[in-house]
């Protein structure tokens, strides 16, 4: 099976790191290789949580990855973006524009999750819950979306 991109930004909200590892574990069980594109701080938090690379074996710089997507040097059939602020929304909108053939899932969390979800104008499947510390409200919907998404790619 192929690679799937998990796109993350600022690690300000505590649920982001466990969500990345949860999604990566799901993808591996489904036979896909998770690749995480992140800024340096977010990357370091995930690496600290997964020091032996059980869940994520490859990390990329988020800006460079979006540039490579735009240039056509890389592609992913599925991109899962974790969003909790305007910057995350902008990165995801740009990713959607430069990778229109990819199936895109936008996972929105944090205090303003519903407001951010209303701002989305690009094609995506939304998973939304205003959580900051407890992943549980996101997981049921996320599981449903991931199950059908991996079957489509």
C-alpha atoms as a PDB file:
ATOM      1  CA  UNK A   1       0.000   0.000   0.000  1.00  0.00           C
ATOM      2  CA  UNK A   2       1.031   3.635  -0.271  1.00  0.00           C
ATOM      3  CA  UNK A   3       2.132   6.546   1.813  1.00  0.00           C
ATOM      4  CA  UNK A   4      -0.302   8.884   3.559  1.00  0.00           C
ATOM      5  CA  UNK A   5       0.605  12.415   4.597  1.00  0.00           C
ATOM      6  CA  UNK A   6      -0.284  13.707   8.061  1.00  0.00           C
ATOM      7  CA  UNK A   7       0.049  17.488   7.999  1.00  0.00           C
ATOM      8  CA  UNK A   8       0.518  19.255  11.346  1.00  0.00           C
ATOM      9  CA  UNK A   9       1.497  22.689  12.531  1.00  0.00           C
ATOM     10  CA  UNK A  10       1.979  24.468  15.816  1.00  0.00           C
ATOM     11  CA  UNK A  11       1.841  22.030  18.749  1.00  0.00           C
ATOM     12  CA  UNK A  12      -0.007  24.502  20.995  1.00  0.00           C
ATOM     13  CA  UNK A  13      -3.017  22.224  21.686  1.00  0.00           C
ATOM     14  CA  UNK A  14      -2.197  19.079  23.735  1.00  0.00           C
ATOM     15  CA  UNK A  15      -4.435  16.690  21.751  1.00  0.00           C
ATOM     16  CA  UNK A  16      -2.411  17.124  18.548  1.00  0.00           C
ATOM     17  CA  UNK A  17       0.468  14.768  19.389  1.00  0.00           C
ATOM     18  CA  UNK A  18      -1.684  11.834  20.526  1.00  0.00           C
ATOM     19  CA  UNK A  19      -3.936  12.326  17.497  1.00  0.00           C
ATOM     20  CA  UNK A  20      -0.935  12.063  15.168  1.00  0.00           C
ATOM     21  CA  UNK A  21       0.183   8.807  16.788  1.00  0.00           C
ATOM     22  CA  UNK A  22      -3.391   7.447  16.793  1.00  0.00           C
ATOM     23  CA  UNK A  23      -3.816   8.224  13.088  1.00  0.00           C
ATOM     24  CA  UNK A  24      -0.373   6.801  12.255  1.00  0.00           C
ATOM     25  CA  UNK A  25      -1.212   3.593  14.108  1.00  0.00           C
ATOM     26  CA  UNK A  26      -4.513   3.300  12.248  1.00  0.00           C
ATOM     27  CA  UNK A  27      -2.768   3.830   8.909  1.00  0.00           C
ATOM     28  CA  UNK A  28      -0.102   1.232   9.644  1.00  0.00           C
ATOM     29  CA  UNK A  29      -2.760  -1.316  10.627  1.00  0.00           C
ATOM     30  CA  UNK A  30      -4.471  -0.576   7.297  1.00  0.00           C
ATOM     31  CA  UNK A  31      -1.210  -1.241   5.444  1.00  0.00           C
ATOM     32  CA  UNK A  32      -0.217   2.368   4.739  1.00  0.00           C
ATOM     33  CA  UNK A  33       2.989   4.201   5.619  1.00  0.00           C
ATOM     34  CA  UNK A  34       2.368   7.435   7.535  1.00  0.00           C
ATOM     35  CA  UNK A  35       4.571  10.418   6.690  1.00  0.00           C
ATOM     36  CA  UNK A  36       4.372  13.451   8.984  1.00  0.00           C
ATOM     37  CA  UNK A  37       4.962  16.961   7.648  1.00  0.00           C
ATOM     38  CA  UNK A  38       5.446  19.366  10.536  1.00  0.00           C
ATOM     39  CA  UNK A  39       7.184  22.433  11.792  1.00  0.00           C
ATOM     40  CA  UNK A  40      10.271  21.752  13.959  1.00  0.00           C
ATOM     41  CA  UNK A  41       8.482  22.057  17.319  1.00  0.00           C
ATOM     42  CA  UNK A  42       5.623  19.760  16.379  1.00  0.00           C
ATOM     43  CA  UNK A  43       8.065  17.263  14.863  1.00  0.00           C
ATOM     44  CA  UNK A  44      10.113  17.166  18.053  1.00  0.00           C
ATOM     45  CA  UNK A  45       7.048  16.514  20.212  1.00  0.00           C
ATOM     46  CA  UNK A  46       5.969  13.589  18.033  1.00  0.00           C
ATOM     47  CA  UNK A  47       9.509  12.172  17.980  1.00  0.00           C
ATOM     48  CA  UNK A  48       9.684  12.457  21.774  1.00  0.00           C
ATOM     49  CA  UNK A  49       6.381  10.581  22.057  1.00  0.00           C
ATOM     50  CA  UNK A  50       7.555   7.917  19.586  1.00  0.00           C
ATOM     51  CA  UNK A  51      11.326   7.620  20.220  1.00  0.00           C
ATOM     52  CA  UNK A  52      11.713   4.244  18.501  1.00  0.00           C
ATOM     53  CA  UNK A  53       9.645   5.252  15.456  1.00  0.00           C
ATOM     54  CA  UNK A  54       6.993   2.596  16.011  1.00  0.00           C
ATOM     55  CA  UNK A  55       4.315   4.820  14.501  1.00  0.00           C
ATOM     56  CA  UNK A  56       6.085   7.355  12.300  1.00  0.00           C
ATOM     57  CA  UNK A  57       9.254   6.516  10.411  1.00  0.00           C
ATOM     58  CA  UNK A  58       9.506   9.605   8.203  1.00  0.00           C
ATOM     59  CA  UNK A  59       9.222  13.291   8.980  1.00  0.00           C
ATOM     60  CA  UNK A  60       9.279  16.195   6.539  1.00  0.00           C
ATOM     61  CA  UNK A  61       9.302  19.944   6.850  1.00  0.00           C
ATOM     62  CA  UNK A  62       5.773  21.253   6.292  1.00  0.00           C
ATOM     63  CA  UNK A  63       6.752  24.192   4.076  1.00  0.00           C
ATOM     64  CA  UNK A  64       9.094  22.108   1.930  1.00  0.00           C
ATOM     65  CA  UNK A  65       6.446  19.407   1.577  1.00  0.00           C
ATOM     66  CA  UNK A  66       3.830  21.874   0.350  1.00  0.00           C
ATOM     67  CA  UNK A  67       6.397  23.198  -2.123  1.00  0.00           C
ATOM     68  CA  UNK A  68       7.085  19.666  -3.385  1.00  0.00           C
ATOM     69  CA  UNK A  69       3.347  19.026  -3.721  1.00  0.00           C
ATOM     70  CA  UNK A  70       3.020  22.255  -5.704  1.00  0.00           C
ATOM     71  CA  UNK A  71       5.966  21.308  -7.900  1.00  0.00           C
ATOM     72  CA  UNK A  72       4.598  17.840  -8.550  1.00  0.00           C
ATOM     73  CA  UNK A  73       7.700  16.077  -7.224  1.00  0.00           C
ATOM     74  CA  UNK A  74       5.656  14.217  -4.595  1.00  0.00           C
ATOM     75  CA  UNK A  75       2.030  13.187  -4.241  1.00  0.00           C
ATOM     76  CA  UNK A  76      -0.108  11.389  -1.708  1.00  0.00           C
ATOM     77  CA  UNK A  77      -3.477   9.749  -2.317  1.00  0.00           C
ATOM     78  CA  UNK A  78      -4.648  10.758   1.176  1.00  0.00           C
ATOM     79  CA  UNK A  79      -3.707  13.816   3.224  1.00  0.00           C
ATOM     80  CA  UNK A  80      -4.894  14.220   6.804  1.00  0.00           C
ATOM     81  CA  UNK A  81      -4.473  17.724   8.188  1.00  0.00           C
ATOM     82  CA  UNK A  82      -4.763  18.600  11.867  1.00  0.00           C
ATOM     83  CA  UNK A  83      -6.033  22.164  12.294  1.00  0.00           C
ATOM     84  CA  UNK A  84      -6.534  24.308  15.376  1.00  0.00           C
ATOM     85  CA  UNK A  85      -5.848  27.852  14.179  1.00  0.00           C
ATOM     86  CA  UNK A  86      -5.912  30.126  11.132  1.00  0.00           C
ATOM     87  CA  UNK A  87      -2.384  29.131  10.113  1.00  0.00           C
ATOM     88  CA  UNK A  88      -3.391  25.459  10.009  1.00  0.00           C
ATOM     89  CA  UNK A  89      -6.405  26.375   7.921  1.00  0.00           C
ATOM     90  CA  UNK A  90      -4.211  28.329   5.505  1.00  0.00           C
ATOM     91  CA  UNK A  91      -1.690  25.481   5.175  1.00  0.00           C
ATOM     92  CA  UNK A  92      -4.517  23.050   4.497  1.00  0.00           C
ATOM     93  CA  UNK A  93      -6.225  25.313   1.947  1.00  0.00           C
ATOM     94  CA  UNK A  94      -2.897  25.677   0.141  1.00  0.00           C
ATOM     95  CA  UNK A  95      -2.360  21.916   0.249  1.00  0.00           C
ATOM     96  CA  UNK A  96      -5.817  21.375  -1.198  1.00  0.00           C
ATOM     97  CA  UNK A  97      -5.041  23.763  -4.052  1.00  0.00           C
ATOM     98  CA  UNK A  98      -1.680  22.197  -4.926  1.00  0.00           C
ATOM     99  CA  UNK A  99      -2.797  18.559  -4.469  1.00  0.00           C
ATOM    100  CA  UNK A 100      -6.334  18.501  -5.908  1.00  0.00           C
ATOM    101  CA  UNK A 101      -6.276  14.765  -6.658  1.00  0.00           C
ATOM    102  CA  UNK A 102      -5.613  13.819  -3.024  1.00  0.00           C
ATOM    103  CA  UNK A 103      -8.446  12.831  -0.734  1.00  0.00           C
ATOM    104  CA  UNK A 104      -8.267  15.427   2.052  1.00  0.00           C
ATOM    105  CA  UNK A 105      -9.437  15.028   5.634  1.00  0.00           C
ATOM    106  CA  UNK A 106      -9.446  18.104   7.881  1.00  0.00           C
ATOM    107  CA  UNK A 107      -9.381  17.313  11.597  1.00  0.00           C
ATOM    108  CA  UNK A 108     -10.348  20.476  13.463  1.00  0.00           C
ATOM    109  CA  UNK A 109      -9.902  20.799  17.217  1.00  0.00           C
ATOM    110  CA  UNK A 110      -9.322  23.417  19.902  1.00  0.00           C
ATOM    111  CA  UNK A 111     -11.634  26.088  21.282  1.00  0.00           C
ATOM    112  CA  UNK A 112     -12.484  27.513  17.860  1.00  0.00           C
ATOM    113  CA  UNK A 113     -12.917  24.252  15.947  1.00  0.00           C
ATOM    114  CA  UNK A 114     -16.473  24.943  14.791  1.00  0.00           C
ATOM    115  CA  UNK A 115     -15.655  28.509  13.725  1.00  0.00           C
ATOM    116  CA  UNK A 116     -12.661  27.284  11.720  1.00  0.00           C
ATOM    117  CA  UNK A 117     -14.764  24.545  10.128  1.00  0.00           C
ATOM    118  CA  UNK A 118     -17.240  27.155   8.897  1.00  0.00           C
ATOM    119  CA  UNK A 119     -14.424  29.019   7.137  1.00  0.00           C
ATOM    120  CA  UNK A 120     -13.421  26.034   4.991  1.00  0.00           C
ATOM    121  CA  UNK A 121     -14.081  26.570   1.298  1.00  0.00           C
ATOM    122  CA  UNK A 122     -11.954  23.750  -0.137  1.00  0.00           C
ATOM    123  CA  UNK A 123     -13.142  20.162  -0.749  1.00  0.00           C
ATOM    124  CA  UNK A 124     -12.524  18.091   2.369  1.00  0.00           C
ATOM    125  CA  UNK A 125     -14.086  15.693   4.817  1.00  0.00           C
ATOM    126  CA  UNK A 126     -14.342  17.472   8.168  1.00  0.00           C
ATOM    127  CA  UNK A 127     -13.874  15.879  11.582  1.00  0.00           C
ATOM    128  CA  UNK A 128     -14.650  18.548  14.172  1.00  0.00           C
ATOM    129  CA  UNK A 129     -14.731  18.763  17.981  1.00  0.00           C
ATOM    130  CA  UNK A 130     -13.724  21.677  20.245  1.00  0.00           C
ATOM    131  CA  UNK A 131     -11.336  19.578  22.314  1.00  0.00           C
ATOM    132  CA  UNK A 132      -7.996  20.609  23.785  1.00  0.00           C
ATOM    133  CA  UNK A 133      -7.063  17.846  26.249  1.00  0.00           C
ATOM    134  CA  UNK A 134      -9.438  14.914  25.650  1.00  0.00           C
ATOM    135  CA  UNK A 135      -9.300  13.178  22.273  1.00  0.00           C
ATOM    136  CA  UNK A 136     -12.355  10.981  22.931  1.00  0.00           C
ATOM    137  CA  UNK A 137     -14.954  13.300  21.297  1.00  0.00           C
ATOM    138  CA  UNK A 138     -12.973  13.205  18.034  1.00  0.00           C
ATOM    139  CA  UNK A 139     -12.123   9.516  17.898  1.00  0.00           C
ATOM    140  CA  UNK A 140     -15.484   7.982  16.943  1.00  0.00           C
ATOM    141  CA  UNK A 141     -15.963  10.294  13.967  1.00  0.00           C
ATOM    142  CA  UNK A 142     -12.263  10.040  13.067  1.00  0.00           C
ATOM    143  CA  UNK A 143     -12.425   6.242  13.047  1.00  0.00           C
ATOM    144  CA  UNK A 144     -15.445   6.297  10.723  1.00  0.00           C
ATOM    145  CA  UNK A 145     -13.786   8.698   8.313  1.00  0.00           C
ATOM    146  CA  UNK A 146     -10.431   6.888   8.327  1.00  0.00           C
ATOM    147  CA  UNK A 147     -12.105   3.533   7.672  1.00  0.00           C
ATOM    148  CA  UNK A 148     -13.781   4.658   4.454  1.00  0.00           C
ATOM    149  CA  UNK A 149     -10.864   6.893   3.418  1.00  0.00           C
ATOM    150  CA  UNK A 150      -8.307   4.082   3.398  1.00  0.00           C
ATOM    151  CA  UNK A 151     -10.680   2.001   1.301  1.00  0.00           C
ATOM    152  CA  UNK A 152     -10.898   4.769  -1.314  1.00  0.00           C
ATOM    153  CA  UNK A 153      -7.171   5.070  -1.921  1.00  0.00           C
END
